[in-house]
Protein backbone atom coordinates (compact mmCIF):
# COMPACT_ATOMS: atom_id res chain seq x y z
CA UNK A 1 0.00 0.00 0.00
CA UNK A 2 1.22 3.45 -0.93
CA UNK A 3 1.25 6.13 1.74
CA UNK A 4 -0.17 9.64 1.36
CA UNK A 5 2.52 11.05 3.63
CA UNK A 6 5.31 9.48 1.54
CA UNK A 7 3.65 10.84 -1.60
CA UNK A 8 3.57 14.30 -0.04
CA UNK A 9 7.26 14.20 0.95
CA UNK A 10 8.17 13.11 -2.57
CA UNK A 11 5.98 15.90 -3.93
CA UNK A 12 8.07 18.35 -1.89
CA UNK A 13 11.17 17.38 -3.86
CA UNK A 14 9.93 19.83 -6.49
CA UNK A 15 11.56 22.50 -4.34
CA UNK A 16 14.90 21.05 -5.43
CA UNK A 17 13.86 20.65 -9.08
CA UNK A 18 12.78 17.00 -8.93
CA UNK A 19 9.16 17.41 -10.02
CA UNK A 20 7.03 14.33 -10.60
CA UNK A 21 8.88 11.91 -8.31
CA UNK A 22 5.62 11.32 -6.42
CA UNK A 23 4.06 10.12 -9.69
CA UNK A 24 6.82 7.53 -10.17
CA UNK A 25 6.19 6.33 -6.60
CA UNK A 26 2.47 5.98 -7.32
CA UNK A 27 3.09 4.07 -10.55
CA UNK A 28 2.20 6.80 -13.06
CA UNK A 29 5.44 6.49 -15.04
CA UNK A 30 4.49 8.40 -18.21
CA UNK A 31 3.08 11.40 -16.40
CA UNK A 32 6.02 11.22 -14.01
CA UNK A 33 8.37 11.62 -16.97
CA UNK A 34 6.27 14.48 -18.30
CA UNK A 35 6.36 16.26 -14.93
CA UNK A 36 10.11 15.63 -14.59
CA UNK A 37 11.04 17.09 -17.99
CA UNK A 38 8.62 20.05 -17.86
CA UNK A 39 9.21 20.98 -14.20
CA UNK A 40 5.72 19.86 -13.21
CA UNK A 41 4.09 21.42 -16.28
CA UNK A 42 5.76 24.71 -15.34
CA UNK A 43 4.58 24.34 -11.75
CA UNK A 44 0.88 24.32 -12.58
CA UNK A 45 0.57 20.53 -12.68
CA UNK A 46 2.67 20.23 -9.55
CA UNK A 47 0.36 22.63 -7.70
CA UNK A 48 -2.75 20.78 -8.90
CA UNK A 49 -1.21 17.50 -7.72
CA UNK A 50 -0.90 18.95 -4.22
CA UNK A 51 -4.68 19.01 -4.00
CA UNK A 52 -5.13 15.69 -5.84
CA UNK A 53 -2.46 13.77 -3.93
CA UNK A 54 -4.83 11.88 -1.63
CA UNK A 55 -7.01 10.81 -4.56
CA UNK A 56 -4.00 9.81 -6.69
CA UNK A 57 -2.70 7.65 -3.84
CA UNK A 58 -6.09 6.02 -3.34
CA UNK A 59 -6.39 5.34 -7.08
CA UNK A 60 -2.92 3.79 -7.17
CA UNK A 61 -3.74 1.54 -4.21
CA UNK A 62 -7.02 0.44 -5.80
CA UNK A 63 -5.29 -0.40 -9.09
CA UNK A 64 -2.74 -2.54 -7.23
CA UNK A 65 -5.52 -4.43 -5.44
CA UNK A 66 -7.28 -5.12 -8.75
CA UNK A 67 -4.04 -6.38 -10.31
CA UNK A 68 -3.50 -8.76 -7.41
CA UNK A 69 -7.03 -10.16 -7.70
CA UNK A 70 -6.73 -10.78 -11.42
CA UNK A 71 -3.80 -13.18 -10.91
PDB file of N, CA and C in Angstrom:
ATOM      1  N   UNK A   1       0.845  -1.188   0.000  1.00  0.00           N
ATOM      2  CA  UNK A   1       0.000   0.000   0.000  1.00  0.00           C
ATOM      3  C   UNK A   1       0.888   1.250   0.000  1.00  0.00           C
ATOM      4  N   UNK A   2       0.510   2.179  -0.848  1.00  0.00           N
ATOM      5  CA  UNK A   2       1.224   3.447  -0.935  1.00  0.00           C
ATOM      6  C   UNK A   2       0.700   4.402   0.130  1.00  0.00           C
ATOM      7  N   UNK A   3       1.581   5.223   0.654  1.00  0.00           N
ATOM      8  CA  UNK A   3       1.252   6.134   1.739  1.00  0.00           C
ATOM      9  C   UNK A   3       1.076   7.558   1.222  1.00  0.00           C
ATOM     10  N   UNK A   4       0.059   8.242   1.730  1.00  0.00           N
ATOM     11  CA  UNK A   4      -0.173   9.637   1.358  1.00  0.00           C
ATOM     12  C   UNK A   4       0.957  10.508   1.877  1.00  0.00           C
ATOM     13  N   UNK A   5       1.439  10.227   3.072  1.00  0.00           N
ATOM     14  CA  UNK A   5       2.520  11.049   3.626  1.00  0.00           C
ATOM     15  C   UNK A   5       3.812  10.894   2.821  1.00  0.00           C
ATOM     16  N   UNK A   6       4.128   9.680   2.382  1.00  0.00           N
ATOM     17  CA  UNK A   6       5.311   9.481   1.541  1.00  0.00           C
ATOM     18  C   UNK A   6       5.128  10.198   0.213  1.00  0.00           C
ATOM     19  N   UNK A   7       3.942  10.136  -0.349  1.00  0.00           N
ATOM     20  CA  UNK A   7       3.653  10.837  -1.604  1.00  0.00           C
ATOM     21  C   UNK A   7       3.858  12.344  -1.438  1.00  0.00           C
ATOM     22  N   UNK A   8       3.416  12.872  -0.294  1.00  0.00           N
ATOM     23  CA  UNK A   8       3.575  14.304  -0.045  1.00  0.00           C
ATOM     24  C   UNK A   8       5.047  14.683   0.077  1.00  0.00           C
ATOM     25  N   UNK A   9       5.835  13.890   0.804  1.00  0.00           N
ATOM     26  CA  UNK A   9       7.260  14.197   0.945  1.00  0.00           C
ATOM     27  C   UNK A   9       7.974  14.126  -0.392  1.00  0.00           C
ATOM     28  N   UNK A  10       7.587  13.179  -1.233  1.00  0.00           N
ATOM     29  CA  UNK A  10       8.168  13.109  -2.574  1.00  0.00           C
ATOM     30  C   UNK A  10       7.711  14.278  -3.435  1.00  0.00           C
ATOM     31  N   UNK A  11       6.477  14.725  -3.225  1.00  0.00           N
ATOM     32  CA  UNK A  11       5.979  15.897  -3.930  1.00  0.00           C
ATOM     33  C   UNK A  11       6.825  17.122  -3.578  1.00  0.00           C
ATOM     34  N   UNK A  12       7.267  17.219  -2.334  1.00  0.00           N
ATOM     35  CA  UNK A  12       8.069  18.352  -1.887  1.00  0.00           C
ATOM     36  C   UNK A  12       9.439  18.422  -2.553  1.00  0.00           C
ATOM     37  N   UNK A  13       9.883  17.346  -3.167  1.00  0.00           N
ATOM     38  CA  UNK A  13      11.175  17.377  -3.862  1.00  0.00           C
ATOM     39  C   UNK A  13      11.172  18.347  -5.038  1.00  0.00           C
ATOM     40  N   UNK A  14       9.990  18.842  -5.415  1.00  0.00           N
ATOM     41  CA  UNK A  14       9.932  19.831  -6.494  1.00  0.00           C
ATOM     42  C   UNK A  14      10.657  21.106  -6.094  1.00  0.00           C
ATOM     43  N   UNK A  15      10.811  21.341  -4.812  1.00  0.00           N
ATOM     44  CA  UNK A  15      11.561  22.502  -4.338  1.00  0.00           C
ATOM     45  C   UNK A  15      12.996  22.447  -4.846  1.00  0.00           C
ATOM     46  N   UNK A  16      13.529  21.240  -4.968  1.00  0.00           N
ATOM     47  CA  UNK A  16      14.896  21.049  -5.429  1.00  0.00           C
ATOM     48  C   UNK A  16      14.983  20.732  -6.921  1.00  0.00           C
ATOM     49  N   UNK A  17      13.864  20.862  -7.634  1.00  0.00           N
ATOM     50  CA  UNK A  17      13.856  20.650  -9.076  1.00  0.00           C
ATOM     51  C   UNK A  17      13.498  19.249  -9.521  1.00  0.00           C
ATOM     52  N   UNK A  18      13.140  18.377  -8.590  1.00  0.00           N
ATOM     53  CA  UNK A  18      12.777  17.000  -8.934  1.00  0.00           C
ATOM     54  C   UNK A  18      11.258  16.863  -8.943  1.00  0.00           C
ATOM     55  N   UNK A  19      10.625  17.455  -9.917  1.00  0.00           N
ATOM     56  CA  UNK A  19       9.163  17.408 -10.016  1.00  0.00           C
ATOM     57  C   UNK A  19       8.724  16.064 -10.579  1.00  0.00           C
ATOM     58  N   UNK A  20       7.617  15.557 -10.070  1.00  0.00           N
ATOM     59  CA  UNK A  20       7.030  14.334 -10.600  1.00  0.00           C
ATOM     60  C   UNK A  20       7.491  13.055  -9.937  1.00  0.00           C
ATOM     61  N   UNK A  21       8.385  13.123  -8.967  1.00  0.00           N
ATOM     62  CA  UNK A  21       8.877  11.913  -8.310  1.00  0.00           C
ATOM     63  C   UNK A  21       7.728  11.194  -7.594  1.00  0.00           C
ATOM     64  N   UNK A  22       6.773  11.945  -7.076  1.00  0.00           N
ATOM     65  CA  UNK A  22       5.621  11.323  -6.425  1.00  0.00           C
ATOM     66  C   UNK A  22       4.816  10.481  -7.413  1.00  0.00           C
ATOM     67  N   UNK A  23       4.790  10.881  -8.677  1.00  0.00           N
ATOM     68  CA  UNK A  23       4.057  10.120  -9.689  1.00  0.00           C
ATOM     69  C   UNK A  23       4.755   8.803  -9.996  1.00  0.00           C
ATOM     70  N   UNK A  24       6.092   8.792 -10.001  1.00  0.00           N
ATOM     71  CA  UNK A  24       6.823   7.534 -10.168  1.00  0.00           C
ATOM     72  C   UNK A  24       6.495   6.593  -9.007  1.00  0.00           C
ATOM     73  N   UNK A  25       6.495   7.123  -7.793  1.00  0.00           N
ATOM     74  CA  UNK A  25       6.186   6.326  -6.603  1.00  0.00           C
ATOM     75  C   UNK A  25       4.792   5.703  -6.689  1.00  0.00           C
ATOM     76  N   UNK A  26       3.843   6.466  -7.233  1.00  0.00           N
ATOM     77  CA  UNK A  26       2.467   5.976  -7.324  1.00  0.00           C
ATOM     78  C   UNK A  26       2.225   5.089  -8.535  1.00  0.00           C
ATOM     79  N   UNK A  27       3.213   4.968  -9.415  1.00  0.00           N
ATOM     80  CA  UNK A  27       3.089   4.071 -10.550  1.00  0.00           C
ATOM     81  C   UNK A  27       2.654   4.737 -11.842  1.00  0.00           C
ATOM     82  N   UNK A  28       2.578   6.059 -11.862  1.00  0.00           N
ATOM     83  CA  UNK A  28       2.203   6.801 -13.059  1.00  0.00           C
ATOM     84  C   UNK A  28       3.485   7.230 -13.778  1.00  0.00           C
ATOM     85  N   UNK A  29       4.110   6.288 -14.464  1.00  0.00           N
ATOM     86  CA  UNK A  29       5.436   6.491 -15.038  1.00  0.00           C
ATOM     87  C   UNK A  29       5.432   7.552 -16.142  1.00  0.00           C
ATOM     88  N   UNK A  30       4.483   7.471 -17.080  1.00  0.00           N
ATOM     89  CA  UNK A  30       4.488   8.405 -18.208  1.00  0.00           C
ATOM     90  C   UNK A  30       4.248   9.834 -17.763  1.00  0.00           C
ATOM     91  N   UNK A  31       3.299  10.037 -16.877  1.00  0.00           N
ATOM     92  CA  UNK A  31       3.078  11.402 -16.399  1.00  0.00           C
ATOM     93  C   UNK A  31       4.217  11.841 -15.484  1.00  0.00           C
ATOM     94  N   UNK A  32       4.848  10.893 -14.806  1.00  0.00           N
ATOM     95  CA  UNK A  32       6.023  11.223 -14.007  1.00  0.00           C
ATOM     96  C   UNK A  32       7.149  11.762 -14.880  1.00  0.00           C
ATOM     97  N   UNK A  33       7.357  11.135 -16.030  1.00  0.00           N
ATOM     98  CA  UNK A  33       8.371  11.625 -16.966  1.00  0.00           C
ATOM     99  C   UNK A  33       8.001  13.009 -17.506  1.00  0.00           C
ATOM    100  N   UNK A  34       6.734  13.187 -17.816  1.00  0.00           N
ATOM    101  CA  UNK A  34       6.270  14.479 -18.304  1.00  0.00           C
ATOM    102  C   UNK A  34       6.514  15.563 -17.256  1.00  0.00           C
ATOM    103  N   UNK A  35       6.162  15.295 -16.012  1.00  0.00           N
ATOM    104  CA  UNK A  35       6.356  16.256 -14.928  1.00  0.00           C
ATOM    105  C   UNK A  35       7.857  16.528 -14.726  1.00  0.00           C
ATOM    106  N   UNK A  36       8.673  15.487 -14.820  1.00  0.00           N
ATOM    107  CA  UNK A  36      10.108  15.634 -14.593  1.00  0.00           C
ATOM    108  C   UNK A  36      10.756  16.525 -15.650  1.00  0.00           C
ATOM    109  N   UNK A  37      10.400  16.336 -16.908  1.00  0.00           N
ATOM    110  CA  UNK A  37      11.042  17.086 -17.987  1.00  0.00           C
ATOM    111  C   UNK A  37      10.441  18.472 -18.227  1.00  0.00           C
ATOM    112  N   UNK A  38       9.248  18.733 -17.680  1.00  0.00           N
ATOM    113  CA  UNK A  38       8.623  20.050 -17.865  1.00  0.00           C
ATOM    114  C   UNK A  38       8.504  20.807 -16.546  1.00  0.00           C
ATOM    115  N   UNK A  39       9.245  20.352 -15.532  1.00  0.00           N
ATOM    116  CA  UNK A  39       9.211  20.976 -14.203  1.00  0.00           C
ATOM    117  C   UNK A  39       7.784  21.069 -13.675  1.00  0.00           C
ATOM    118  N   UNK A  40       7.092  19.933 -13.736  1.00  0.00           N
ATOM    119  CA  UNK A  40       5.725  19.865 -13.212  1.00  0.00           C
ATOM    120  C   UNK A  40       4.751  20.684 -14.026  1.00  0.00           C
ATOM    121  N   UNK A  41       4.910  20.608 -15.358  1.00  0.00           N
ATOM    122  CA  UNK A  41       4.089  21.421 -16.276  1.00  0.00           C
ATOM    123  C   UNK A  41       4.180  22.899 -15.879  1.00  0.00           C
ATOM    124  N   UNK A  42       5.430  23.330 -15.725  1.00  0.00           N
ATOM    125  CA  UNK A  42       5.764  24.713 -15.336  1.00  0.00           C
ATOM    126  C   UNK A  42       5.167  25.092 -13.977  1.00  0.00           C
ATOM    127  N   UNK A  43       5.049  24.113 -13.111  1.00  0.00           N
ATOM    128  CA  UNK A  43       4.578  24.344 -11.752  1.00  0.00           C
ATOM    129  C   UNK A  43       3.079  24.228 -11.585  1.00  0.00           C
ATOM    130  N   UNK A  44       2.345  24.364 -12.658  1.00  0.00           N
ATOM    131  CA  UNK A  44       0.877  24.318 -12.576  1.00  0.00           C
ATOM    132  C   UNK A  44       0.411  22.909 -12.239  1.00  0.00           C
ATOM    133  N   UNK A  45       0.944  21.915 -12.955  1.00  0.00           N
ATOM    134  CA  UNK A  45       0.572  20.525 -12.679  1.00  0.00           C
ATOM    135  C   UNK A  45       1.008  20.085 -11.296  1.00  0.00           C
ATOM    136  N   UNK A  46       2.159  20.569 -10.880  1.00  0.00           N
ATOM    137  CA  UNK A  46       2.667  20.228  -9.551  1.00  0.00           C
ATOM    138  C   UNK A  46       1.741  20.789  -8.478  1.00  0.00           C
ATOM    139  N   UNK A  47       1.273  22.012  -8.658  1.00  0.00           N
ATOM    140  CA  UNK A  47       0.357  22.628  -7.698  1.00  0.00           C
ATOM    141  C   UNK A  47      -0.986  21.899  -7.677  1.00  0.00           C
ATOM    142  N   UNK A  48      -1.489  21.529  -8.831  1.00  0.00           N
ATOM    143  CA  UNK A  48      -2.748  20.780  -8.896  1.00  0.00           C
ATOM    144  C   UNK A  48      -2.601  19.436  -8.195  1.00  0.00           C
ATOM    145  N   UNK A  49      -1.446  18.794  -8.376  1.00  0.00           N
ATOM    146  CA  UNK A  49      -1.215  17.502  -7.724  1.00  0.00           C
ATOM    147  C   UNK A  49      -1.219  17.609  -6.204  1.00  0.00           C
ATOM    148  N   UNK A  50      -0.854  18.762  -5.671  1.00  0.00           N
ATOM    149  CA  UNK A  50      -0.900  18.945  -4.220  1.00  0.00           C
ATOM    150  C   UNK A  50      -2.307  18.688  -3.694  1.00  0.00           C
ATOM    151  N   UNK A  51      -3.296  19.179  -4.428  1.00  0.00           N
ATOM    152  CA  UNK A  51      -4.684  19.008  -3.999  1.00  0.00           C
ATOM    153  C   UNK A  51      -5.243  17.640  -4.381  1.00  0.00           C
ATOM    154  N   UNK A  52      -4.657  16.996  -5.382  1.00  0.00           N
ATOM    155  CA  UNK A  52      -5.132  15.686  -5.845  1.00  0.00           C
ATOM    156  C   UNK A  52      -4.357  14.521  -5.235  1.00  0.00           C
ATOM    157  N   UNK A  53      -3.384  14.794  -4.402  1.00  0.00           N
ATOM    158  CA  UNK A  53      -2.459  13.768  -3.931  1.00  0.00           C
ATOM    159  C   UNK A  53      -3.160  12.626  -3.200  1.00  0.00           C
ATOM    160  N   UNK A  54      -4.104  12.931  -2.356  1.00  0.00           N
ATOM    161  CA  UNK A  54      -4.826  11.878  -1.627  1.00  0.00           C
ATOM    162  C   UNK A  54      -5.595  10.985  -2.600  1.00  0.00           C
ATOM    163  N   UNK A  55      -6.258  11.584  -3.579  1.00  0.00           N
ATOM    164  CA  UNK A  55      -7.007  10.812  -4.565  1.00  0.00           C
ATOM    165  C   UNK A  55      -6.101   9.990  -5.465  1.00  0.00           C
ATOM    166  N   UNK A  56      -4.958  10.554  -5.862  1.00  0.00           N
ATOM    167  CA  UNK A  56      -4.004   9.805  -6.690  1.00  0.00           C
ATOM    168  C   UNK A  56      -3.469   8.588  -5.945  1.00  0.00           C
ATOM    169  N   UNK A  57      -3.206   8.769  -4.652  1.00  0.00           N
ATOM    170  CA  UNK A  57      -2.702   7.654  -3.840  1.00  0.00           C
ATOM    171  C   UNK A  57      -3.769   6.576  -3.699  1.00  0.00           C
ATOM    172  N   UNK A  58      -4.992   6.975  -3.456  1.00  0.00           N
ATOM    173  CA  UNK A  58      -6.094   6.017  -3.341  1.00  0.00           C
ATOM    174  C   UNK A  58      -6.285   5.262  -4.654  1.00  0.00           C
ATOM    175  N   UNK A  59      -6.231   5.975  -5.782  1.00  0.00           N
ATOM    176  CA  UNK A  59      -6.390   5.342  -7.081  1.00  0.00           C
ATOM    177  C   UNK A  59      -5.265   4.335  -7.339  1.00  0.00           C
ATOM    178  N   UNK A  60      -4.049   4.693  -6.992  1.00  0.00           N
ATOM    179  CA  UNK A  60      -2.919   3.791  -7.174  1.00  0.00           C
ATOM    180  C   UNK A  60      -3.091   2.527  -6.333  1.00  0.00           C
ATOM    181  N   UNK A  61      -3.528   2.695  -5.088  1.00  0.00           N
ATOM    182  CA  UNK A  61      -3.737   1.541  -4.215  1.00  0.00           C
ATOM    183  C   UNK A  61      -4.859   0.640  -4.734  1.00  0.00           C
ATOM    184  N   UNK A  62      -5.911   1.231  -5.258  1.00  0.00           N
ATOM    185  CA  UNK A  62      -7.017   0.435  -5.796  1.00  0.00           C
ATOM    186  C   UNK A  62      -6.586  -0.339  -7.040  1.00  0.00           C
ATOM    187  N   UNK A  63      -5.777   0.290  -7.903  1.00  0.00           N
ATOM    188  CA  UNK A  63      -5.286  -0.404  -9.094  1.00  0.00           C
ATOM    189  C   UNK A  63      -4.411  -1.587  -8.711  1.00  0.00           C
ATOM    190  N   UNK A  64      -3.592  -1.438  -7.695  1.00  0.00           N
ATOM    191  CA  UNK A  64      -2.737  -2.541  -7.235  1.00  0.00           C
ATOM    192  C   UNK A  64      -3.579  -3.698  -6.701  1.00  0.00           C
ATOM    193  N   UNK A  65      -4.643  -3.383  -5.968  1.00  0.00           N
ATOM    194  CA  UNK A  65      -5.515  -4.430  -5.445  1.00  0.00           C
ATOM    195  C   UNK A  65      -6.201  -5.175  -6.581  1.00  0.00           C
ATOM    196  N   UNK A  66      -6.643  -4.464  -7.604  1.00  0.00           N
ATOM    197  CA  UNK A  66      -7.282  -5.118  -8.746  1.00  0.00           C
ATOM    198  C   UNK A  66      -6.311  -6.006  -9.499  1.00  0.00           C
ATOM    199  N   UNK A  67      -5.055  -5.563  -9.641  1.00  0.00           N
ATOM    200  CA  UNK A  67      -4.039  -6.376 -10.311  1.00  0.00           C
ATOM    201  C   UNK A  67      -3.773  -7.658  -9.538  1.00  0.00           C
ATOM    202  N   UNK A  68      -3.744  -7.580  -8.230  1.00  0.00           N
ATOM    203  CA  UNK A  68      -3.500  -8.764  -7.408  1.00  0.00           C
ATOM    204  C   UNK A  68      -4.645  -9.768  -7.526  1.00  0.00           C
ATOM    205  N   UNK A  69      -5.870  -9.263  -7.616  1.00  0.00           N
ATOM    206  CA  UNK A  69      -7.030 -10.158  -7.703  1.00  0.00           C
ATOM    207  C   UNK A  69      -7.124 -10.849  -9.062  1.00  0.00           C
ATOM    208  N   UNK A  70      -6.604 -10.202 -10.096  1.00  0.00           N
ATOM    209  CA  UNK A  70      -6.734 -10.782 -11.419  1.00  0.00           C
ATOM    210  C   UNK A  70      -5.775 -11.965 -11.612  1.00  0.00           C
ATOM    211  N   UNK A  71      -4.748 -12.058 -10.776  1.00  0.00           N
ATOM    212  CA  UNK A  71      -3.797 -13.176 -10.906  1.00  0.00           C
ATOM    213  C   UNK A  71      -4.242 -14.275 -10.065  1.00  0.00           C
TER     214      UNK A  71
END
